[in-house]
């Protein structure tokens, strides 16, 4: 699983370089974290659910590296995440109506924050939140508020180390969702 994760992360680094507004990151910045996340998912997630944390781990590394380095979450990754996550949830036997409801609730909540306080959240975070809400709701209804609280805690922790005014929320959203997705209800 480690070698597969490393290769998937390396392929992801190549993909990032080919995006229209390419994110130039070193191969190891994507390959090593993906390998670690895939190993942990393989060790902890139930076999029927394993594709969900694997997809989230891969996508999470690519988006986190891009958000931290370039301060953006590219549409070329956030928008295809919707069908990719939807298909993965379907293949894993998740209730797609529940996933859709989670998508709308979590995405809608983040959109509301963006509309009320535009400087508090970027548009990429809003686009990402819907697909992650589908995963959280598929785990359990309680996972939605837990995911939101964990994401805020991760973002605050990152803020203690982040050297500028604009703090990316995408890494916190991705880390929280991946962590919650390891333990489906």
C-alpha atoms as a PDB file:
ATOM      1  CA  UNK A   1       0.000   0.000   0.000  1.00  0.00           C
ATOM      2  CA  UNK A   2       2.910   2.336   0.711  1.00  0.00           C
ATOM      3  CA  UNK A   3       4.359   1.895  -2.777  1.00  0.00           C
ATOM      4  CA  UNK A   4       0.920   2.414  -4.367  1.00  0.00           C
ATOM      5  CA  UNK A   5       0.435   5.581  -2.321  1.00  0.00           C
ATOM      6  CA  UNK A   6       3.883   6.847  -3.250  1.00  0.00           C
ATOM      7  CA  UNK A   7       3.198   6.260  -6.947  1.00  0.00           C
ATOM      8  CA  UNK A   8      -0.261   7.865  -6.721  1.00  0.00           C
ATOM      9  CA  UNK A   9       1.251  10.905  -4.986  1.00  0.00           C
ATOM     10  CA  UNK A  10       4.001  11.140  -7.609  1.00  0.00           C
ATOM     11  CA  UNK A  11       1.382  10.999 -10.375  1.00  0.00           C
ATOM     12  CA  UNK A  12      -0.555  13.698  -8.512  1.00  0.00           C
ATOM     13  CA  UNK A  13       2.516  15.955  -8.460  1.00  0.00           C
ATOM     14  CA  UNK A  14       2.750  15.520 -12.226  1.00  0.00           C
ATOM     15  CA  UNK A  15      -0.937  16.356 -12.555  1.00  0.00           C
ATOM     16  CA  UNK A  16      -0.482  19.537 -10.513  1.00  0.00           C
ATOM     17  CA  UNK A  17       2.251  20.703 -12.870  1.00  0.00           C
ATOM     18  CA  UNK A  18      -0.051  20.242 -15.875  1.00  0.00           C
ATOM     19  CA  UNK A  19      -2.988  22.245 -14.496  1.00  0.00           C
ATOM     20  CA  UNK A  20      -3.886  25.438 -16.417  1.00  0.00           C
ATOM     21  CA  UNK A  21      -2.518  27.524 -13.551  1.00  0.00           C
ATOM     22  CA  UNK A  22       0.019  24.882 -12.594  1.00  0.00           C
ATOM     23  CA  UNK A  23       1.095  24.273  -9.065  1.00  0.00           C
ATOM     24  CA  UNK A  24       4.806  23.597  -9.123  1.00  0.00           C
ATOM     25  CA  UNK A  25       5.597  21.334  -6.210  1.00  0.00           C
ATOM     26  CA  UNK A  26       8.304  18.789  -5.671  1.00  0.00           C
ATOM     27  CA  UNK A  27       7.461  15.167  -6.299  1.00  0.00           C
ATOM     28  CA  UNK A  28       8.248  14.151  -2.723  1.00  0.00           C
ATOM     29  CA  UNK A  29       5.858  16.773  -1.293  1.00  0.00           C
ATOM     30  CA  UNK A  30       3.001  14.763  -2.789  1.00  0.00           C
ATOM     31  CA  UNK A  31       4.392  11.217  -2.902  1.00  0.00           C
ATOM     32  CA  UNK A  32       5.538  10.794   0.707  1.00  0.00           C
ATOM     33  CA  UNK A  33       2.443  12.189   2.476  1.00  0.00           C
ATOM     34  CA  UNK A  34       0.139  10.212   0.166  1.00  0.00           C
ATOM     35  CA  UNK A  35       2.072   7.016   0.937  1.00  0.00           C
ATOM     36  CA  UNK A  36       1.752   7.658   4.682  1.00  0.00           C
ATOM     37  CA  UNK A  37      -1.980   8.442   4.497  1.00  0.00           C
ATOM     38  CA  UNK A  38      -2.646   5.375   2.345  1.00  0.00           C
ATOM     39  CA  UNK A  39      -0.789   3.151   4.801  1.00  0.00           C
ATOM     40  CA  UNK A  40      -2.756   4.523   7.764  1.00  0.00           C
ATOM     41  CA  UNK A  41      -6.035   4.146   5.850  1.00  0.00           C
ATOM     42  CA  UNK A  42      -5.140   0.574   4.905  1.00  0.00           C
ATOM     43  CA  UNK A  43      -4.370  -0.187   8.579  1.00  0.00           C
ATOM     44  CA  UNK A  44      -7.473   1.458  10.096  1.00  0.00           C
ATOM     45  CA  UNK A  45     -10.366   1.681   7.618  1.00  0.00           C
ATOM     46  CA  UNK A  46     -12.712  -1.265   7.079  1.00  0.00           C
ATOM     47  CA  UNK A  47     -12.056  -2.978   3.726  1.00  0.00           C
ATOM     48  CA  UNK A  48     -15.472  -2.122   2.235  1.00  0.00           C
ATOM     49  CA  UNK A  49     -14.824   1.589   2.944  1.00  0.00           C
ATOM     50  CA  UNK A  50     -11.105   1.753   2.084  1.00  0.00           C
ATOM     51  CA  UNK A  51     -11.521   3.514  -1.313  1.00  0.00           C
ATOM     52  CA  UNK A  52     -13.014   6.568   0.437  1.00  0.00           C
ATOM     53  CA  UNK A  53     -10.018   7.454   2.664  1.00  0.00           C
ATOM     54  CA  UNK A  54      -7.635   6.503  -0.162  1.00  0.00           C
ATOM     55  CA  UNK A  55      -9.304   8.985  -2.527  1.00  0.00           C
ATOM     56  CA  UNK A  56      -9.503  11.627   0.214  1.00  0.00           C
ATOM     57  CA  UNK A  57      -5.848  11.091   1.105  1.00  0.00           C
ATOM     58  CA  UNK A  58      -4.679  11.525  -2.477  1.00  0.00           C
ATOM     59  CA  UNK A  59      -6.927  14.489  -3.174  1.00  0.00           C
ATOM     60  CA  UNK A  60      -6.184  15.973   0.234  1.00  0.00           C
ATOM     61  CA  UNK A  61      -2.428  15.953  -0.297  1.00  0.00           C
ATOM     62  CA  UNK A  62      -2.691  17.554  -3.735  1.00  0.00           C
ATOM     63  CA  UNK A  63      -5.070  20.265  -2.561  1.00  0.00           C
ATOM     64  CA  UNK A  64      -3.225  20.928   0.700  1.00  0.00           C
ATOM     65  CA  UNK A  65       0.122  21.343  -1.035  1.00  0.00           C
ATOM     66  CA  UNK A  66      -1.460  23.674  -3.590  1.00  0.00           C
ATOM     67  CA  UNK A  67      -3.342  25.706  -0.977  1.00  0.00           C
ATOM     68  CA  UNK A  68      -0.308  26.113   1.274  1.00  0.00           C
ATOM     69  CA  UNK A  69       2.055  26.963  -1.568  1.00  0.00           C
ATOM     70  CA  UNK A  70      -0.156  29.008  -3.901  1.00  0.00           C
ATOM     71  CA  UNK A  71      -3.071  30.044  -1.645  1.00  0.00           C
ATOM     72  CA  UNK A  72      -5.731  28.540  -3.887  1.00  0.00           C
ATOM     73  CA  UNK A  73      -7.760  25.397  -4.392  1.00  0.00           C
ATOM     74  CA  UNK A  74      -7.921  24.864  -8.162  1.00  0.00           C
ATOM     75  CA  UNK A  75     -11.260  24.174  -9.826  1.00  0.00           C
ATOM     76  CA  UNK A  76      -9.466  21.480 -11.834  1.00  0.00           C
ATOM     77  CA  UNK A  77      -9.362  19.446  -8.603  1.00  0.00           C
ATOM     78  CA  UNK A  78     -12.279  20.694  -6.502  1.00  0.00           C
ATOM     79  CA  UNK A  79     -14.960  20.312  -9.183  1.00  0.00           C
ATOM     80  CA  UNK A  80     -14.035  16.794 -10.401  1.00  0.00           C
ATOM     81  CA  UNK A  81     -13.999  15.783  -6.727  1.00  0.00           C
ATOM     82  CA  UNK A  82     -17.823  15.789  -6.767  1.00  0.00           C
ATOM     83  CA  UNK A  83     -18.292  12.946  -9.271  1.00  0.00           C
ATOM     84  CA  UNK A  84     -15.183  11.108  -8.043  1.00  0.00           C
ATOM     85  CA  UNK A  85     -16.394  11.136  -4.447  1.00  0.00           C
ATOM     86  CA  UNK A  86     -19.968  10.370  -5.493  1.00  0.00           C
ATOM     87  CA  UNK A  87     -18.910   7.309  -7.498  1.00  0.00           C
ATOM     88  CA  UNK A  88     -16.598   6.139  -4.723  1.00  0.00           C
ATOM     89  CA  UNK A  89     -19.356   6.488  -2.118  1.00  0.00           C
ATOM     90  CA  UNK A  90     -21.751   4.586  -4.379  1.00  0.00           C
ATOM     91  CA  UNK A  91     -19.225   1.783  -4.918  1.00  0.00           C
ATOM     92  CA  UNK A  92     -18.721   1.564  -1.146  1.00  0.00           C
ATOM     93  CA  UNK A  93     -22.459   1.215  -0.545  1.00  0.00           C
ATOM     94  CA  UNK A  94     -23.156   4.648   0.934  1.00  0.00           C
ATOM     95  CA  UNK A  95     -26.647   6.125   0.874  1.00  0.00           C
ATOM     96  CA  UNK A  96     -26.415   8.646  -1.976  1.00  0.00           C
ATOM     97  CA  UNK A  97     -29.447  10.664  -0.810  1.00  0.00           C
ATOM     98  CA  UNK A  98     -27.790  11.115   2.559  1.00  0.00           C
ATOM     99  CA  UNK A  99     -24.537  12.056   0.805  1.00  0.00           C
ATOM    100  CA  UNK A 100     -26.393  14.627  -1.288  1.00  0.00           C
ATOM    101  CA  UNK A 101     -28.015  16.090   1.826  1.00  0.00           C
ATOM    102  CA  UNK A 102     -24.588  16.332   3.497  1.00  0.00           C
ATOM    103  CA  UNK A 103     -23.188  17.972   0.386  1.00  0.00           C
ATOM    104  CA  UNK A 104     -25.906  20.607   0.453  1.00  0.00           C
ATOM    105  CA  UNK A 105     -25.725  21.196   4.225  1.00  0.00           C
ATOM    106  CA  UNK A 106     -21.951  21.404   4.548  1.00  0.00           C
ATOM    107  CA  UNK A 107     -21.476  23.272   1.286  1.00  0.00           C
ATOM    108  CA  UNK A 108     -24.394  25.584   2.104  1.00  0.00           C
ATOM    109  CA  UNK A 109     -22.989  26.370   5.536  1.00  0.00           C
ATOM    110  CA  UNK A 110     -19.615  27.297   4.038  1.00  0.00           C
ATOM    111  CA  UNK A 111     -21.321  29.367   1.340  1.00  0.00           C
ATOM    112  CA  UNK A 112     -23.251  31.233   4.037  1.00  0.00           C
ATOM    113  CA  UNK A 113     -20.014  32.018   5.877  1.00  0.00           C
ATOM    114  CA  UNK A 114     -18.474  33.223   2.599  1.00  0.00           C
ATOM    115  CA  UNK A 115     -21.469  35.476   1.890  1.00  0.00           C
ATOM    116  CA  UNK A 116     -21.595  36.930   5.409  1.00  0.00           C
ATOM    117  CA  UNK A 117     -17.833  37.386   5.808  1.00  0.00           C
ATOM    118  CA  UNK A 118     -16.083  37.171   2.418  1.00  0.00           C
ATOM    119  CA  UNK A 119     -12.633  37.628   3.900  1.00  0.00           C
ATOM    120  CA  UNK A 120     -13.158  34.668   6.252  1.00  0.00           C
ATOM    121  CA  UNK A 121     -13.324  32.015   3.550  1.00  0.00           C
ATOM    122  CA  UNK A 122     -12.241  31.622  -0.036  1.00  0.00           C
ATOM    123  CA  UNK A 123     -14.378  30.435  -2.917  1.00  0.00           C
ATOM    124  CA  UNK A 124     -12.255  27.295  -3.275  1.00  0.00           C
ATOM    125  CA  UNK A 125     -13.076  26.340   0.308  1.00  0.00           C
ATOM    126  CA  UNK A 126     -16.778  26.631  -0.481  1.00  0.00           C
ATOM    127  CA  UNK A 127     -16.433  24.493  -3.617  1.00  0.00           C
ATOM    128  CA  UNK A 128     -14.487  21.890  -1.691  1.00  0.00           C
ATOM    129  CA  UNK A 129     -16.867  21.803   1.280  1.00  0.00           C
ATOM    130  CA  UNK A 130     -19.784  20.303  -0.636  1.00  0.00           C
ATOM    131  CA  UNK A 131     -17.945  17.178  -1.742  1.00  0.00           C
ATOM    132  CA  UNK A 132     -16.454  16.728   1.727  1.00  0.00           C
ATOM    133  CA  UNK A 133     -19.903  17.143   3.271  1.00  0.00           C
ATOM    134  CA  UNK A 134     -21.078  14.188   1.188  1.00  0.00           C
ATOM    135  CA  UNK A 135     -18.371  12.028   2.762  1.00  0.00           C
ATOM    136  CA  UNK A 136     -19.067  13.283   6.283  1.00  0.00           C
ATOM    137  CA  UNK A 137     -22.809  12.648   6.019  1.00  0.00           C
ATOM    138  CA  UNK A 138     -22.110   9.185   4.636  1.00  0.00           C
ATOM    139  CA  UNK A 139     -20.144   8.423   7.789  1.00  0.00           C
ATOM    140  CA  UNK A 140     -22.929   9.727  10.074  1.00  0.00           C
ATOM    141  CA  UNK A 141     -25.011  12.819  10.682  1.00  0.00           C
ATOM    142  CA  UNK A 142     -22.892  13.570  13.743  1.00  0.00           C
ATOM    143  CA  UNK A 143     -19.810  13.579  11.501  1.00  0.00           C
ATOM    144  CA  UNK A 144     -20.937  16.874   9.913  1.00  0.00           C
ATOM    145  CA  UNK A 145     -20.567  19.034  13.058  1.00  0.00           C
ATOM    146  CA  UNK A 146     -17.572  16.990  14.232  1.00  0.00           C
ATOM    147  CA  UNK A 147     -15.907  17.547  10.861  1.00  0.00           C
ATOM    148  CA  UNK A 148     -16.633  21.276  11.021  1.00  0.00           C
ATOM    149  CA  UNK A 149     -15.192  21.566  14.536  1.00  0.00           C
ATOM    150  CA  UNK A 150     -12.117  19.506  13.668  1.00  0.00           C
ATOM    151  CA  UNK A 151     -11.559  21.564  10.512  1.00  0.00           C
ATOM    152  CA  UNK A 152     -11.692  24.763  12.561  1.00  0.00           C
ATOM    153  CA  UNK A 153      -9.283  23.316  15.124  1.00  0.00           C
ATOM    154  CA  UNK A 154      -6.834  22.251  12.399  1.00  0.00           C
ATOM    155  CA  UNK A 155      -7.079  25.684  10.779  1.00  0.00           C
ATOM    156  CA  UNK A 156      -6.477  27.415  14.112  1.00  0.00           C
ATOM    157  CA  UNK A 157      -3.469  25.174  14.785  1.00  0.00           C
ATOM    158  CA  UNK A 158      -2.111  25.994  11.331  1.00  0.00           C
ATOM    159  CA  UNK A 159      -2.667  29.671  12.109  1.00  0.00           C
ATOM    160  CA  UNK A 160      -0.258  29.439  15.026  1.00  0.00           C
ATOM    161  CA  UNK A 161       2.505  28.510  12.575  1.00  0.00           C
ATOM    162  CA  UNK A 162       1.363  30.370   9.438  1.00  0.00           C
ATOM    163  CA  UNK A 163       3.409  33.513   8.731  1.00  0.00           C
ATOM    164  CA  UNK A 164       0.805  35.717   7.025  1.00  0.00           C
ATOM    165  CA  UNK A 165      -2.619  37.296   7.305  1.00  0.00           C
ATOM    166  CA  UNK A 166      -4.474  34.953   4.965  1.00  0.00           C
ATOM    167  CA  UNK A 167      -4.932  31.540   6.490  1.00  0.00           C
ATOM    168  CA  UNK A 168      -5.928  28.650   4.213  1.00  0.00           C
ATOM    169  CA  UNK A 169      -8.914  26.641   5.467  1.00  0.00           C
ATOM    170  CA  UNK A 170      -8.723  23.904   2.816  1.00  0.00           C
ATOM    171  CA  UNK A 171      -6.037  21.877   4.619  1.00  0.00           C
ATOM    172  CA  UNK A 172      -8.134  21.854   7.796  1.00  0.00           C
ATOM    173  CA  UNK A 173     -11.256  20.758   5.911  1.00  0.00           C
ATOM    174  CA  UNK A 174      -9.350  17.992   4.149  1.00  0.00           C
ATOM    175  CA  UNK A 175      -7.543  16.722   7.250  1.00  0.00           C
ATOM    176  CA  UNK A 176     -10.725  16.659   9.325  1.00  0.00           C
ATOM    177  CA  UNK A 177     -12.724  14.840   6.665  1.00  0.00           C
ATOM    178  CA  UNK A 178      -9.982  12.283   6.071  1.00  0.00           C
ATOM    179  CA  UNK A 179      -9.681  11.603   9.799  1.00  0.00           C
ATOM    180  CA  UNK A 180     -13.443  11.204  10.284  1.00  0.00           C
ATOM    181  CA  UNK A 181     -13.714   9.041   7.156  1.00  0.00           C
ATOM    182  CA  UNK A 182     -11.321   6.488   8.634  1.00  0.00           C
ATOM    183  CA  UNK A 183     -14.049   5.385  11.027  1.00  0.00           C
ATOM    184  CA  UNK A 184     -17.399   5.064   9.224  1.00  0.00           C
ATOM    185  CA  UNK A 185     -20.492   4.613  11.401  1.00  0.00           C
END
